[in-house]
Amino acid sequence: MSDANQFGKVAVLMGGRSAEREVSLMSGSGVLKALQSRGVDAHAFDPAERDLSELKRKGFKRCFIALHGRFGEDGTVQGALELLGIPYTGSGVMASSIAIDKVMTKRVWLAEGLPTPRYKLLRQGSYTPEQARAVPADLGLPLIVKPAREGSSIGVVKVQDESQMPAAVEQAAALDADVLCEQFISGDEVTCPVLGTGDDARALPVIRIVAPEGNYDYQNKYFTDDTKYLVPCGLPEGEEQAIQDIVLKAYRVLACRGWGRLDVMIDAATRKPWLLELNTSPGMTGHSLVPMSARAAGISYEDLCVQLLALATLDQPQGVLRK
């Protein structure tokens, strides 16, 4: 769509009720400004403050989802928009609901033969303190403990000693009923965005992340300038292409569409890439990685937003189910 008027009235969904509300507001503000600069009739819409039924009543024709985490990236908003018949950016209901759950994502990837670190699931109410303390013996130390359905590194703890396990599990359990304990992979931390759907999906340049003391946490992601992002990534010849290939497969097997970003660790000893997670509604802030990678590929922030909006669609296009 070269004519912005063809999009009609567009809602940029931002804010929401998740733990990532603050980041979502920053993402949404950037997207809103970018779309408006290209002549799109775009308006801010916060589902935490307005009922989604207003989208239909107010004549919105498309939605750009700039929500992160629960109630925005987990299939719930996508399902509501399907019922309203309003096309939206990003993955559909099933892919969104699977990708938000790091354990379910791992299960699918493992079934497809894709590499992801070993893990143990501690489900609230069904594990004992003894079982939690036993995890390091199975996964080794250090290990990672995190909520199964949060993003932006919220609630993530790197456990260096067995004595830290109870506190780490308690912190994660305060945010999610399912706690993911994951094998720690020591090496380069990279991320790779994907644009498009199915056979037309393509991987953008890989970004290598160098965080202070290797701690790429919430603060270092969004609120400091101490983290270094290397693009070109500077990896050995052939590694970037190998990562892009595995990322594309991981994206496709979850039936993602529109866009996404996959986080990968590269084992320092073997140089083997390990898939960590897939974000179906990545950040679009000043510190965010998809715009950074897109820029390296010659796509401006504004063009990226317009391209994503042009890909907005529904799982079930209107009329398919009508008789």
Protein backbone atom coordinates (compact mmCIF):
# COMPACT_ATOMS: atom_id res chain seq x y z
CA MET A 1 0.00 0.00 0.00
CA SER A 2 1.74 3.13 -1.21
CA ASP A 3 -1.24 5.37 -0.39
CA ALA A 4 -1.60 5.85 3.37
CA ASN A 5 -5.30 6.55 2.92
CA GLN A 6 -5.84 2.92 1.94
CA PHE A 7 -5.15 1.89 5.53
CA GLY A 8 -8.17 3.79 6.80
CA LYS A 9 -8.38 4.78 10.45
CA VAL A 10 -5.64 2.98 12.40
CA ALA A 11 -5.44 2.26 16.12
CA VAL A 12 -2.00 1.89 17.66
CA LEU A 13 -2.64 -0.38 20.65
CA MET A 14 -0.26 0.57 23.46
CA GLY A 15 -0.01 0.44 27.23
CA GLY A 16 -2.24 -2.39 28.30
CA ARG A 17 -2.22 -4.20 31.65
CA SER A 18 0.96 -6.28 31.54
CA ALA A 19 4.17 -5.84 33.52
CA GLU A 20 5.62 -4.35 30.33
CA ARG A 21 3.14 -1.46 30.17
CA GLU A 22 5.85 1.19 30.47
CA VAL A 23 7.83 -0.24 27.56
CA SER A 24 4.66 -0.65 25.49
CA LEU A 25 3.81 3.03 25.92
CA MET A 26 7.27 3.93 24.64
CA SER A 27 6.94 1.54 21.68
CA GLY A 28 3.45 2.76 20.83
CA SER A 29 4.41 6.42 20.97
CA GLY A 30 7.24 5.82 18.49
CA VAL A 31 5.02 3.84 16.13
CA LEU A 32 2.23 6.43 16.32
CA LYS A 33 4.57 9.28 15.45
CA ALA A 34 6.12 7.30 12.60
CA LEU A 35 2.78 6.37 11.03
CA GLN A 36 1.43 9.90 11.34
CA SER A 37 4.60 11.25 9.70
CA ARG A 38 3.76 9.09 6.67
CA GLY A 39 0.22 10.41 6.45
CA VAL A 40 -1.52 7.49 8.16
CA ASP A 41 -4.68 8.38 10.11
CA ALA A 42 -3.29 6.78 13.26
CA HIS A 43 -4.55 7.20 16.84
CA ALA A 44 -3.35 5.97 20.22
CA PHE A 45 -5.56 3.37 21.91
CA ASP A 46 -4.85 1.99 25.39
CA PRO A 47 -6.86 -1.19 26.12
CA ALA A 48 -6.30 -0.64 29.84
CA GLU A 49 -8.34 2.56 29.63
CA ARG A 50 -10.79 1.86 26.80
CA ASP A 51 -12.98 -1.10 25.88
CA LEU A 52 -11.89 -2.88 22.70
CA SER A 53 -15.46 -2.70 21.40
CA GLU A 54 -14.79 1.00 20.81
CA LEU A 55 -12.54 0.03 17.92
CA LYS A 56 -15.57 -1.08 15.93
CA ARG A 57 -17.82 1.75 17.05
CA LYS A 58 -15.19 4.38 16.27
CA GLY A 59 -14.57 3.05 12.77
CA PHE A 60 -11.01 1.72 13.09
CA LYS A 61 -10.02 -0.38 10.09
CA ARG A 62 -6.63 -1.72 11.23
CA CYS A 63 -4.67 -2.14 14.43
CA PHE A 64 -0.94 -1.89 14.97
CA ILE A 65 -0.27 -3.96 18.08
CA ALA A 66 2.46 -2.28 20.13
CA LEU A 67 1.44 -4.13 23.29
CA HIS A 68 3.96 -6.38 25.03
CA GLY A 69 3.45 -9.36 27.31
CA ARG A 70 0.13 -10.58 28.62
CA PHE A 71 -3.18 -9.25 27.30
CA GLY A 72 -1.42 -8.06 24.16
CA GLU A 73 1.15 -10.56 22.96
CA ASP A 74 -0.49 -13.77 24.16
CA GLY A 75 -3.38 -14.25 21.74
CA THR A 76 -6.04 -12.55 23.86
CA VAL A 77 -6.15 -9.23 22.01
CA GLN A 78 -5.64 -11.09 18.75
CA GLY A 79 -8.73 -13.20 19.48
CA ALA A 80 -10.79 -10.13 20.29
CA LEU A 81 -9.73 -8.47 17.03
CA GLU A 82 -10.62 -11.65 15.13
CA LEU A 83 -14.15 -11.43 16.57
CA LEU A 84 -14.34 -7.73 15.72
CA GLY A 85 -13.08 -8.42 12.20
CA ILE A 86 -10.32 -5.80 12.43
CA PRO A 87 -6.98 -6.79 10.81
CA TYR A 88 -3.96 -6.49 13.09
CA THR A 89 -0.19 -6.62 12.88
CA GLY A 90 1.88 -9.59 13.93
CA SER A 91 1.09 -13.21 14.60
CA GLY A 92 -2.35 -14.72 14.96
CA VAL A 93 -4.07 -16.26 17.98
CA MET A 94 -2.37 -19.67 18.05
CA ALA A 95 1.19 -18.50 17.29
CA SER A 96 0.91 -15.66 19.81
CA SER A 97 -0.40 -17.90 22.58
CA ILE A 98 2.34 -20.49 22.03
CA ALA A 99 5.21 -18.03 21.67
CA ILE A 100 4.37 -16.13 24.87
CA ASP A 101 4.78 -19.41 26.76
CA LYS A 102 8.48 -20.24 26.78
CA VAL A 103 7.85 -23.83 27.82
CA MET A 104 5.32 -24.53 25.07
CA THR A 105 7.67 -22.88 22.58
CA LYS A 106 10.48 -25.19 23.67
CA ARG A 107 8.24 -28.23 23.32
CA VAL A 108 7.37 -27.33 19.72
CA TRP A 109 10.97 -26.54 18.80
CA LEU A 110 12.23 -29.77 20.35
CA ALA A 111 9.57 -31.74 18.48
CA GLU A 112 10.87 -30.17 15.27
CA GLY A 113 14.49 -30.97 16.09
CA LEU A 114 15.50 -27.38 16.82
CA PRO A 115 18.12 -26.70 19.52
CA THR A 116 17.00 -25.02 22.73
CA PRO A 117 18.63 -25.27 26.18
CA ARG A 118 17.57 -28.07 28.52
CA TYR A 119 14.97 -27.08 31.09
CA LYS A 120 12.89 -28.03 34.08
CA LEU A 121 9.37 -26.75 34.68
CA LEU A 122 8.25 -25.97 38.22
CA ARG A 123 4.49 -25.59 38.28
CA GLN A 124 3.09 -23.59 41.19
CA GLY A 125 1.49 -25.81 43.82
CA SER A 126 2.87 -29.05 42.39
CA TYR A 127 6.57 -28.87 43.23
CA THR A 128 8.31 -29.17 46.58
CA PRO A 129 11.21 -27.08 47.91
CA GLU A 130 13.33 -30.21 47.64
CA GLN A 131 12.53 -30.52 43.92
CA ALA A 132 13.47 -26.89 43.36
CA ARG A 133 16.76 -27.32 45.17
CA ALA A 134 17.49 -30.41 43.06
CA VAL A 135 17.33 -28.54 39.74
CA PRO A 136 21.00 -27.41 39.75
CA ALA A 137 22.13 -31.04 39.99
CA ASP A 138 20.28 -31.72 36.73
CA LEU A 139 20.91 -28.55 34.74
CA GLY A 140 24.24 -27.52 36.24
CA LEU A 141 25.33 -24.13 37.50
CA PRO A 142 24.96 -21.37 36.67
CA LEU A 143 21.38 -21.68 35.45
CA ILE A 144 18.56 -19.30 34.56
CA VAL A 145 15.25 -19.04 36.43
CA LYS A 146 12.41 -17.03 34.90
CA PRO A 147 8.62 -16.77 34.65
CA ALA A 148 7.32 -18.82 31.73
CA ARG A 149 5.18 -15.99 30.33
CA GLU A 150 6.94 -12.67 30.90
CA GLY A 151 9.15 -10.61 28.61
CA SER A 152 11.74 -7.85 28.76
CA SER A 153 13.79 -10.00 31.18
CA ILE A 154 11.27 -9.30 33.95
CA GLY A 155 11.75 -11.76 36.82
CA VAL A 156 14.82 -13.38 35.25
CA VAL A 157 17.53 -14.49 37.70
CA LYS A 158 20.91 -16.06 36.98
CA VAL A 159 21.51 -18.59 39.75
CA GLN A 160 25.20 -19.03 40.55
CA ASP A 161 24.87 -21.11 43.71
CA GLU A 162 22.35 -23.68 44.98
CA SER A 163 21.55 -21.44 47.94
CA GLN A 164 20.09 -18.84 45.52
CA MET A 165 17.48 -21.21 44.09
CA PRO A 166 14.64 -20.70 46.62
CA ALA A 167 14.70 -16.90 46.28
CA ALA A 168 14.98 -17.06 42.47
CA VAL A 169 12.05 -19.46 42.16
CA GLU A 170 9.97 -17.39 44.58
CA GLN A 171 10.63 -14.24 42.56
CA ALA A 172 9.60 -15.90 39.30
CA ALA A 173 6.58 -17.58 40.90
CA ALA A 174 5.30 -14.18 42.03
CA LEU A 175 4.90 -13.31 38.35
CA ASP A 176 3.73 -16.60 36.86
CA ALA A 177 2.29 -19.93 37.97
CA ASP A 178 4.90 -21.67 35.82
CA VAL A 179 8.59 -21.21 36.56
CA LEU A 180 11.11 -22.12 33.88
CA CYS A 181 14.54 -23.29 35.01
CA GLU A 182 16.88 -23.32 32.05
CA GLN A 183 20.39 -24.52 31.29
CA PHE A 184 22.76 -21.56 31.04
CA ILE A 185 24.64 -21.26 27.76
CA SER A 186 27.89 -19.32 28.10
CA GLY A 187 28.85 -17.38 24.99
CA ASP A 188 27.69 -14.68 22.60
CA GLU A 189 24.17 -13.35 23.01
CA VAL A 190 22.50 -12.43 19.72
CA THR A 191 19.08 -11.58 18.40
CA CYS A 192 17.63 -11.78 14.91
CA PRO A 193 14.39 -10.19 13.67
CA VAL A 194 12.19 -11.73 11.00
CA LEU A 195 9.82 -9.90 8.65
CA GLY A 196 7.07 -11.52 6.60
CA THR A 197 5.07 -14.73 6.56
CA GLY A 198 5.72 -18.30 5.46
CA ASP A 199 7.99 -18.71 2.45
CA ASP A 200 8.13 -14.92 2.08
CA ALA A 201 9.59 -14.41 5.57
CA ARG A 202 13.18 -13.16 5.68
CA ALA A 203 15.68 -12.75 8.46
CA LEU A 204 17.19 -9.32 9.05
CA PRO A 205 20.82 -8.76 10.13
CA VAL A 206 21.86 -10.45 13.37
CA ILE A 207 22.67 -8.16 16.31
CA ARG A 208 25.28 -9.17 18.87
CA ILE A 209 24.52 -7.87 22.37
CA VAL A 210 27.30 -6.95 24.76
CA ALA A 211 25.75 -5.99 28.12
CA PRO A 212 27.59 -4.75 31.23
CA GLU A 213 28.98 -7.84 33.00
CA GLY A 214 26.85 -9.93 30.65
CA ASN A 215 23.71 -8.77 32.43
CA TYR A 216 21.14 -7.91 29.76
CA ASP A 217 18.33 -7.15 32.21
CA TYR A 218 15.30 -4.82 32.10
CA GLN A 219 17.34 -1.78 33.11
CA ASN A 220 20.10 -2.42 30.59
CA LYS A 221 17.56 -3.11 27.86
CA TYR A 222 15.63 0.12 28.06
CA PHE A 223 17.02 2.70 30.44
CA THR A 224 20.82 2.85 30.07
CA ASP A 225 23.25 3.41 27.24
CA ASP A 226 25.82 1.00 28.64
CA THR A 227 24.79 -1.99 26.52
CA LYS A 228 26.56 -2.30 23.16
CA TYR A 229 24.71 -3.53 20.08
CA LEU A 230 26.94 -4.73 17.27
CA VAL A 231 25.47 -4.74 13.76
CA PRO A 232 27.19 -5.95 11.66
CA CYS A 233 27.49 -8.56 14.38
CA GLY A 234 31.15 -9.42 13.70
CA LEU A 235 30.60 -13.17 14.06
CA PRO A 236 32.89 -15.64 12.26
CA GLU A 237 32.16 -16.23 8.59
CA GLY A 238 29.10 -18.39 8.04
CA GLU A 239 27.74 -18.09 11.59
CA GLU A 240 25.38 -15.22 10.87
CA GLN A 241 23.82 -17.09 7.93
CA ALA A 242 23.48 -20.24 10.06
CA ILE A 243 21.69 -18.26 12.76
CA GLN A 244 19.38 -16.64 10.22
CA ASP A 245 18.53 -20.07 8.80
CA ILE A 246 17.67 -21.59 12.18
CA VAL A 247 15.73 -18.49 13.23
CA LEU A 248 13.61 -18.64 10.09
CA LYS A 249 12.78 -22.29 10.70
CA ALA A 250 11.91 -21.61 14.35
CA TYR A 251 9.64 -18.73 13.27
CA ARG A 252 7.88 -20.77 10.61
CA VAL A 253 7.24 -23.89 12.72
CA LEU A 254 5.31 -21.72 15.20
CA ALA A 255 3.28 -20.35 12.25
CA CYS A 256 4.25 -16.78 13.05
CA ARG A 257 3.45 -14.02 10.62
CA GLY A 258 4.15 -10.34 10.03
CA TRP A 259 7.21 -9.99 12.20
CA GLY A 260 9.02 -11.30 15.23
CA ARG A 261 12.40 -11.38 16.93
CA LEU A 262 14.26 -14.45 18.15
CA ASP A 263 16.87 -14.51 20.90
CA VAL A 264 19.78 -16.91 20.55
CA MET A 265 22.83 -17.89 22.59
CA ILE A 266 25.97 -19.16 20.87
CA ASP A 267 27.95 -21.66 22.91
CA ALA A 268 31.46 -20.24 23.32
CA ALA A 269 33.09 -23.68 23.18
CA THR A 270 31.19 -25.34 20.32
CA ARG A 271 29.80 -22.24 18.50
CA LYS A 272 26.45 -24.02 18.40
CA PRO A 273 23.40 -21.68 18.42
CA TRP A 274 20.67 -22.31 20.99
CA LEU A 275 17.18 -20.81 20.62
CA LEU A 276 15.89 -19.07 23.74
CA GLU A 277 12.57 -17.46 22.86
CA LEU A 278 10.50 -15.75 20.20
CA ASN A 279 8.91 -12.32 20.62
CA THR A 280 5.82 -11.83 18.45
CA SER A 281 5.37 -8.16 19.37
CA PRO A 282 8.92 -6.85 19.76
CA GLY A 283 9.82 -3.50 21.24
CA MET A 284 9.85 -0.39 19.07
CA THR A 285 11.53 2.00 21.53
CA GLY A 286 14.69 4.03 21.04
CA HIS A 287 16.67 1.10 22.48
CA SER A 288 14.80 -1.63 20.61
CA LEU A 289 16.50 -4.13 18.36
CA VAL A 290 14.15 -4.70 15.42
CA PRO A 291 14.41 -1.06 14.25
CA MET A 292 18.18 -1.25 14.72
CA SER A 293 18.49 -4.37 12.57
CA ALA A 294 16.07 -2.99 9.97
CA ARG A 295 18.13 0.20 9.72
CA ALA A 296 21.22 -1.92 8.99
CA ALA A 297 19.21 -3.51 6.16
CA GLY A 298 18.32 -0.09 4.77
CA ILE A 299 14.81 0.15 6.22
CA SER A 300 14.02 3.31 8.18
CA TYR A 301 11.92 3.23 11.36
CA GLU A 302 9.07 4.95 9.52
CA ASP A 303 9.21 2.55 6.57
CA LEU A 304 9.33 -0.41 8.94
CA CYS A 305 6.15 0.73 10.70
CA VAL A 306 4.33 1.22 7.39
CA GLN A 307 5.50 -2.18 6.10
CA LEU A 308 4.26 -3.91 9.24
CA LEU A 309 0.92 -2.13 9.04
CA ALA A 310 0.57 -3.21 5.40
CA LEU A 311 0.96 -6.84 6.55
CA ALA A 312 -1.94 -6.55 9.04
CA THR A 313 -4.41 -9.36 8.52
CA LEU A 314 -6.74 -11.84 10.25
CA ASP A 315 -6.49 -15.57 10.91
CA GLN A 316 -9.89 -15.87 9.30
CA PRO A 317 -10.50 -13.15 6.67
CA GLN A 318 -14.03 -11.83 6.81
CA GLY A 319 -16.44 -13.84 4.73
CA VAL A 320 -14.52 -17.13 4.92
CA LEU A 321 -16.85 -18.59 7.54
CA ARG A 322 -20.05 -17.11 6.16
CA LYS A 323 -22.53 -19.22 4.23
